[in-house]
Amino acid sequence: AVTDLSTLLAEMSPTLGVEGEVVFATSKSLSMRQAAELDPWMLFREEEGLTLILPKAIAEKHDLVHEGPFCRITLMVHSSLEAVGLTAAVAKALSDANLSANVVAAFHHDHIYVPAPE
């Protein structure tokens, strides 16, 4: 995995996710197991409840509070979890374009959720 920021930026190939629009949803009542059965793209436990990234239709079907829609951009470069500055550089570029950047770091890649086009 790459740690050098210059190399990461030079080799990075941002790719739009194929799943289409998703939402960030939350639940205080679902267990991790129940939430996993909804097949989310991401599931994270916070003190306030679970956060899920999943299709809007699933969030609405299960009456989950949600925000969005968003589209996923995957930074196609195998960055190290110890790499410094990659998400900051991408967030800065998106900020300069007046776009919010909701970052999810996974084992293989970083993913940026940006507002879906209207």
N, C-alpha and C. Protein backbone atom coordinates (compact mmCIF):
# COMPACT_ATOMS: atom_id res chain seq x y z
N ALA A 1 0.84 -1.18 0.00
CA ALA A 1 0.00 0.00 0.00
C ALA A 1 0.88 1.25 0.00
N VAL A 2 0.44 2.27 -0.70
CA VAL A 2 1.22 3.49 -0.90
C VAL A 2 0.95 4.48 0.23
N THR A 3 2.03 5.14 0.71
CA THR A 3 1.88 6.17 1.74
C THR A 3 2.27 7.55 1.26
N ASP A 4 3.08 7.65 0.20
CA ASP A 4 3.57 8.94 -0.28
C ASP A 4 2.45 9.72 -0.98
N LEU A 5 2.13 10.91 -0.49
CA LEU A 5 1.02 11.70 -1.02
C LEU A 5 1.19 12.02 -2.49
N SER A 6 2.38 12.42 -2.91
CA SER A 6 2.61 12.76 -4.33
C SER A 6 2.31 11.56 -5.23
N THR A 7 2.75 10.39 -4.81
CA THR A 7 2.50 9.17 -5.58
C THR A 7 1.02 8.84 -5.59
N LEU A 8 0.37 8.96 -4.43
CA LEU A 8 -1.06 8.68 -4.35
C LEU A 8 -1.85 9.57 -5.30
N LEU A 9 -1.56 10.87 -5.28
CA LEU A 9 -2.29 11.81 -6.13
C LEU A 9 -2.02 11.55 -7.61
N ALA A 10 -0.78 11.20 -7.94
CA ALA A 10 -0.42 10.95 -9.33
C ALA A 10 -1.06 9.67 -9.86
N GLU A 11 -1.17 8.66 -9.01
CA GLU A 11 -1.67 7.35 -9.44
C GLU A 11 -3.18 7.18 -9.23
N MET A 12 -3.81 8.09 -8.52
CA MET A 12 -5.22 7.97 -8.18
C MET A 12 -6.09 8.09 -9.42
N SER A 13 -7.11 7.24 -9.48
CA SER A 13 -8.09 7.29 -10.57
C SER A 13 -9.48 7.27 -9.94
N PRO A 14 -10.09 8.44 -9.73
CA PRO A 14 -11.43 8.47 -9.12
C PRO A 14 -12.45 7.79 -10.02
N THR A 15 -13.29 6.96 -9.43
CA THR A 15 -14.29 6.20 -10.18
C THR A 15 -15.65 6.37 -9.52
N LEU A 16 -16.67 6.65 -10.33
CA LEU A 16 -18.03 6.81 -9.82
C LEU A 16 -18.62 5.43 -9.52
N GLY A 17 -19.23 5.28 -8.34
CA GLY A 17 -19.83 4.02 -7.94
C GLY A 17 -20.97 3.62 -8.86
N VAL A 18 -21.15 2.31 -9.04
CA VAL A 18 -22.17 1.79 -9.96
C VAL A 18 -23.54 1.63 -9.29
N GLU A 19 -23.59 1.79 -7.96
CA GLU A 19 -24.85 1.54 -7.24
C GLU A 19 -25.85 2.67 -7.36
N GLY A 20 -25.45 3.78 -7.94
CA GLY A 20 -26.36 4.91 -8.08
C GLY A 20 -26.46 5.70 -6.79
N GLU A 21 -27.58 6.37 -6.61
CA GLU A 21 -27.75 7.25 -5.46
C GLU A 21 -28.04 6.47 -4.19
N VAL A 22 -27.42 6.93 -3.09
CA VAL A 22 -27.63 6.33 -1.78
C VAL A 22 -27.90 7.43 -0.77
N VAL A 23 -28.30 7.04 0.44
CA VAL A 23 -28.52 7.99 1.52
C VAL A 23 -27.72 7.55 2.74
N PHE A 24 -27.48 8.50 3.63
CA PHE A 24 -26.94 8.21 4.95
C PHE A 24 -28.14 8.09 5.87
N ALA A 25 -28.30 6.95 6.52
CA ALA A 25 -29.45 6.72 7.39
C ALA A 25 -28.96 6.41 8.80
N THR A 26 -29.87 6.55 9.77
CA THR A 26 -29.51 6.25 11.15
C THR A 26 -30.63 5.48 11.83
N SER A 27 -30.26 4.68 12.82
CA SER A 27 -31.24 3.93 13.59
C SER A 27 -30.71 3.69 15.00
N LYS A 28 -31.56 3.93 15.97
CA LYS A 28 -31.25 3.59 17.36
C LYS A 28 -31.84 2.23 17.73
N SER A 29 -32.79 1.73 16.93
CA SER A 29 -33.50 0.51 17.30
C SER A 29 -32.97 -0.75 16.63
N LEU A 30 -32.34 -0.63 15.46
CA LEU A 30 -31.83 -1.82 14.79
C LEU A 30 -30.56 -2.33 15.47
N SER A 31 -30.42 -3.65 15.54
CA SER A 31 -29.16 -4.25 15.98
C SER A 31 -28.22 -4.26 14.78
N MET A 32 -26.95 -4.51 15.03
CA MET A 32 -25.99 -4.61 13.93
C MET A 32 -26.43 -5.72 12.96
N ARG A 33 -26.90 -6.82 13.49
CA ARG A 33 -27.33 -7.95 12.66
C ARG A 33 -28.53 -7.55 11.79
N GLN A 34 -29.51 -6.88 12.40
CA GLN A 34 -30.68 -6.44 11.63
C GLN A 34 -30.28 -5.44 10.56
N ALA A 35 -29.39 -4.53 10.91
CA ALA A 35 -28.94 -3.53 9.94
C ALA A 35 -28.16 -4.20 8.80
N ALA A 36 -27.34 -5.17 9.12
CA ALA A 36 -26.57 -5.88 8.09
C ALA A 36 -27.49 -6.60 7.11
N GLU A 37 -28.64 -7.04 7.58
CA GLU A 37 -29.61 -7.73 6.71
C GLU A 37 -30.19 -6.79 5.64
N LEU A 38 -30.05 -5.48 5.85
CA LEU A 38 -30.50 -4.51 4.85
C LEU A 38 -29.48 -4.35 3.73
N ASP A 39 -28.34 -5.02 3.85
CA ASP A 39 -27.27 -5.03 2.85
C ASP A 39 -26.75 -3.63 2.54
N PRO A 40 -26.35 -2.88 3.59
CA PRO A 40 -25.85 -1.52 3.36
C PRO A 40 -24.46 -1.53 2.73
N TRP A 41 -24.12 -0.42 2.10
CA TRP A 41 -22.76 -0.25 1.59
C TRP A 41 -21.79 -0.01 2.73
N MET A 42 -22.30 0.59 3.81
CA MET A 42 -21.47 0.84 4.98
C MET A 42 -22.37 0.78 6.20
N LEU A 43 -21.80 0.28 7.29
CA LEU A 43 -22.50 0.19 8.56
C LEU A 43 -21.50 0.54 9.65
N PHE A 44 -21.87 1.53 10.47
CA PHE A 44 -20.94 2.00 11.51
C PHE A 44 -21.72 2.27 12.78
N ARG A 45 -21.17 1.82 13.90
CA ARG A 45 -21.81 2.06 15.19
C ARG A 45 -21.25 3.33 15.80
N GLU A 46 -22.16 4.25 16.14
CA GLU A 46 -21.80 5.48 16.85
C GLU A 46 -22.55 5.49 18.17
N GLU A 47 -22.14 6.36 19.08
CA GLU A 47 -22.80 6.45 20.37
C GLU A 47 -24.29 6.77 20.23
N GLU A 48 -24.63 7.55 19.19
CA GLU A 48 -26.02 7.97 19.00
C GLU A 48 -26.88 6.92 18.29
N GLY A 49 -26.26 5.91 17.74
CA GLY A 49 -26.98 4.88 17.00
C GLY A 49 -26.16 4.40 15.82
N LEU A 50 -26.76 3.57 14.98
CA LEU A 50 -26.07 3.04 13.81
C LEU A 50 -26.19 4.03 12.65
N THR A 51 -25.14 4.10 11.84
CA THR A 51 -25.17 4.82 10.58
C THR A 51 -25.06 3.81 9.46
N LEU A 52 -25.93 3.94 8.47
CA LEU A 52 -25.92 3.05 7.31
C LEU A 52 -25.86 3.90 6.05
N ILE A 53 -25.14 3.43 5.06
CA ILE A 53 -25.20 4.01 3.72
C ILE A 53 -25.88 2.95 2.87
N LEU A 54 -27.04 3.31 2.29
CA LEU A 54 -27.82 2.34 1.54
C LEU A 54 -28.76 3.05 0.59
N PRO A 55 -29.38 2.30 -0.34
CA PRO A 55 -30.31 2.95 -1.27
C PRO A 55 -31.47 3.62 -0.53
N LYS A 56 -31.91 4.75 -1.06
CA LYS A 56 -32.98 5.52 -0.44
C LYS A 56 -34.25 4.69 -0.27
N ALA A 57 -34.58 3.87 -1.25
CA ALA A 57 -35.80 3.07 -1.19
C ALA A 57 -35.79 2.13 0.01
N ILE A 58 -34.65 1.57 0.34
CA ILE A 58 -34.56 0.67 1.50
C ILE A 58 -34.71 1.46 2.79
N ALA A 59 -34.07 2.63 2.86
CA ALA A 59 -34.20 3.48 4.05
C ALA A 59 -35.66 3.86 4.27
N GLU A 60 -36.34 4.23 3.21
CA GLU A 60 -37.75 4.63 3.33
C GLU A 60 -38.64 3.45 3.68
N LYS A 61 -38.38 2.29 3.10
CA LYS A 61 -39.17 1.09 3.38
C LYS A 61 -39.12 0.73 4.87
N HIS A 62 -37.96 1.00 5.51
CA HIS A 62 -37.77 0.65 6.92
C HIS A 62 -37.90 1.87 7.83
N ASP A 63 -38.45 2.96 7.30
CA ASP A 63 -38.70 4.19 8.07
C ASP A 63 -37.46 4.70 8.79
N LEU A 64 -36.33 4.65 8.13
CA LEU A 64 -35.09 5.15 8.72
C LEU A 64 -34.92 6.64 8.43
N VAL A 65 -34.54 7.40 9.44
CA VAL A 65 -34.20 8.80 9.25
C VAL A 65 -32.98 8.84 8.33
N HIS A 66 -33.03 9.69 7.30
CA HIS A 66 -31.91 9.71 6.36
C HIS A 66 -31.72 11.09 5.73
N GLU A 67 -30.52 11.26 5.17
CA GLU A 67 -30.17 12.47 4.41
C GLU A 67 -29.55 12.04 3.10
N GLY A 68 -29.73 12.86 2.10
CA GLY A 68 -29.16 12.56 0.80
C GLY A 68 -30.14 12.96 -0.28
N PRO A 69 -29.92 12.53 -1.49
CA PRO A 69 -29.07 11.43 -1.92
C PRO A 69 -27.63 11.87 -2.21
N PHE A 70 -26.77 10.86 -2.21
CA PHE A 70 -25.34 11.03 -2.48
C PHE A 70 -24.89 10.01 -3.52
N CYS A 71 -23.77 10.31 -4.16
CA CYS A 71 -23.11 9.38 -5.07
C CYS A 71 -21.72 9.10 -4.51
N ARG A 72 -21.25 7.87 -4.75
CA ARG A 72 -19.94 7.46 -4.23
C ARG A 72 -18.87 7.63 -5.31
N ILE A 73 -17.77 8.24 -4.91
CA ILE A 73 -16.56 8.30 -5.73
C ILE A 73 -15.51 7.48 -5.00
N THR A 74 -14.97 6.46 -5.66
CA THR A 74 -13.91 5.65 -5.06
C THR A 74 -12.57 6.14 -5.60
N LEU A 75 -11.64 6.37 -4.69
CA LEU A 75 -10.29 6.79 -5.08
C LEU A 75 -9.50 5.53 -5.39
N MET A 76 -9.42 5.18 -6.67
CA MET A 76 -8.81 3.93 -7.09
C MET A 76 -7.28 4.03 -7.05
N VAL A 77 -6.78 3.89 -5.83
CA VAL A 77 -5.35 3.76 -5.58
C VAL A 77 -5.26 3.05 -4.24
N HIS A 78 -4.36 2.10 -4.12
CA HIS A 78 -4.28 1.33 -2.87
C HIS A 78 -3.48 2.12 -1.85
N SER A 79 -4.17 3.03 -1.16
CA SER A 79 -3.51 3.86 -0.16
C SER A 79 -3.41 3.10 1.15
N SER A 80 -2.35 3.35 1.85
CA SER A 80 -2.16 2.78 3.18
C SER A 80 -3.10 3.47 4.15
N LEU A 81 -3.56 2.74 5.15
CA LEU A 81 -4.38 3.36 6.19
C LEU A 81 -3.57 4.38 6.99
N GLU A 82 -2.24 4.35 6.84
CA GLU A 82 -1.36 5.30 7.52
C GLU A 82 -0.96 6.47 6.63
N ALA A 83 -1.46 6.50 5.40
CA ALA A 83 -1.14 7.60 4.49
C ALA A 83 -1.72 8.91 5.03
N VAL A 84 -0.97 9.98 4.84
CA VAL A 84 -1.39 11.29 5.35
C VAL A 84 -1.65 12.24 4.20
N GLY A 85 -2.84 12.85 4.19
CA GLY A 85 -3.12 13.94 3.27
C GLY A 85 -3.99 13.63 2.07
N LEU A 86 -4.23 12.36 1.75
CA LEU A 86 -4.99 12.05 0.54
C LEU A 86 -6.43 12.56 0.64
N THR A 87 -7.14 12.19 1.68
CA THR A 87 -8.53 12.63 1.77
C THR A 87 -8.62 14.14 1.98
N ALA A 88 -7.63 14.71 2.64
CA ALA A 88 -7.62 16.17 2.82
C ALA A 88 -7.47 16.87 1.47
N ALA A 89 -6.60 16.34 0.61
CA ALA A 89 -6.40 16.94 -0.71
C ALA A 89 -7.66 16.83 -1.56
N VAL A 90 -8.31 15.68 -1.51
CA VAL A 90 -9.54 15.50 -2.29
C VAL A 90 -10.66 16.37 -1.71
N ALA A 91 -10.78 16.40 -0.39
CA ALA A 91 -11.80 17.24 0.25
C ALA A 91 -11.59 18.71 -0.10
N LYS A 92 -10.34 19.14 -0.16
CA LYS A 92 -10.03 20.53 -0.51
C LYS A 92 -10.47 20.83 -1.94
N ALA A 93 -10.19 19.91 -2.86
CA ALA A 93 -10.59 20.12 -4.26
C ALA A 93 -12.12 20.17 -4.37
N LEU A 94 -12.81 19.31 -3.64
CA LEU A 94 -14.27 19.32 -3.67
C LEU A 94 -14.81 20.58 -3.02
N SER A 95 -14.17 21.02 -1.94
CA SER A 95 -14.58 22.25 -1.26
C SER A 95 -14.42 23.44 -2.20
N ASP A 96 -13.33 23.47 -2.94
CA ASP A 96 -13.11 24.55 -3.91
C ASP A 96 -14.20 24.58 -4.97
N ALA A 97 -14.83 23.41 -5.22
CA ALA A 97 -15.94 23.32 -6.18
C ALA A 97 -17.29 23.46 -5.48
N ASN A 98 -17.26 23.82 -4.20
CA ASN A 98 -18.46 24.01 -3.38
C ASN A 98 -19.28 22.72 -3.23
N LEU A 99 -18.57 21.58 -3.10
CA LEU A 99 -19.21 20.28 -2.90
C LEU A 99 -18.81 19.73 -1.54
N SER A 100 -19.78 19.21 -0.81
CA SER A 100 -19.44 18.55 0.46
C SER A 100 -18.76 17.22 0.17
N ALA A 101 -17.95 16.77 1.10
CA ALA A 101 -17.23 15.51 0.95
C ALA A 101 -17.40 14.70 2.22
N ASN A 102 -18.12 13.59 2.12
CA ASN A 102 -18.32 12.69 3.24
C ASN A 102 -17.44 11.48 3.00
N VAL A 103 -16.36 11.37 3.77
CA VAL A 103 -15.30 10.41 3.51
C VAL A 103 -15.50 9.13 4.32
N VAL A 104 -15.34 8.00 3.64
CA VAL A 104 -15.34 6.70 4.30
C VAL A 104 -14.03 6.01 3.90
N ALA A 105 -13.21 5.70 4.88
CA ALA A 105 -11.97 4.96 4.61
C ALA A 105 -12.24 3.48 4.83
N ALA A 106 -11.96 2.69 3.82
CA ALA A 106 -12.10 1.24 3.92
C ALA A 106 -10.71 0.62 3.78
N PHE A 107 -10.62 -0.69 3.87
CA PHE A 107 -9.32 -1.35 3.86
C PHE A 107 -8.55 -1.10 2.57
N HIS A 108 -9.24 -1.21 1.43
CA HIS A 108 -8.55 -1.11 0.13
C HIS A 108 -8.54 0.29 -0.45
N HIS A 109 -9.61 1.05 -0.23
CA HIS A 109 -9.73 2.35 -0.88
C HIS A 109 -10.45 3.34 0.04
N ASP A 110 -10.28 4.61 -0.29
CA ASP A 110 -11.08 5.67 0.33
C ASP A 110 -12.25 5.96 -0.60
N HIS A 111 -13.40 6.27 0.00
CA HIS A 111 -14.60 6.55 -0.76
C HIS A 111 -15.13 7.91 -0.31
N ILE A 112 -15.52 8.72 -1.26
CA ILE A 112 -16.04 10.05 -0.99
C ILE A 112 -17.49 10.09 -1.46
N TYR A 113 -18.39 10.43 -0.55
CA TYR A 113 -19.80 10.58 -0.93
C TYR A 113 -20.08 12.06 -1.13
N VAL A 114 -20.53 12.39 -2.32
CA VAL A 114 -20.83 13.77 -2.70
C VAL A 114 -22.32 13.89 -3.02
N PRO A 115 -22.88 15.09 -2.88
CA PRO A 115 -24.31 15.26 -3.19
C PRO A 115 -24.61 14.80 -4.63
N ALA A 116 -25.70 14.06 -4.77
CA ALA A 116 -26.12 13.63 -6.11
C ALA A 116 -26.57 14.86 -6.90
N PRO A 117 -26.34 14.84 -8.20
CA PRO A 117 -26.81 15.96 -9.03
C PRO A 117 -28.33 16.08 -8.95
N GLU A 118 -28.82 17.31 -8.98
CA GLU A 118 -30.27 17.52 -8.91
C GLU A 118 -30.90 17.35 -10.26
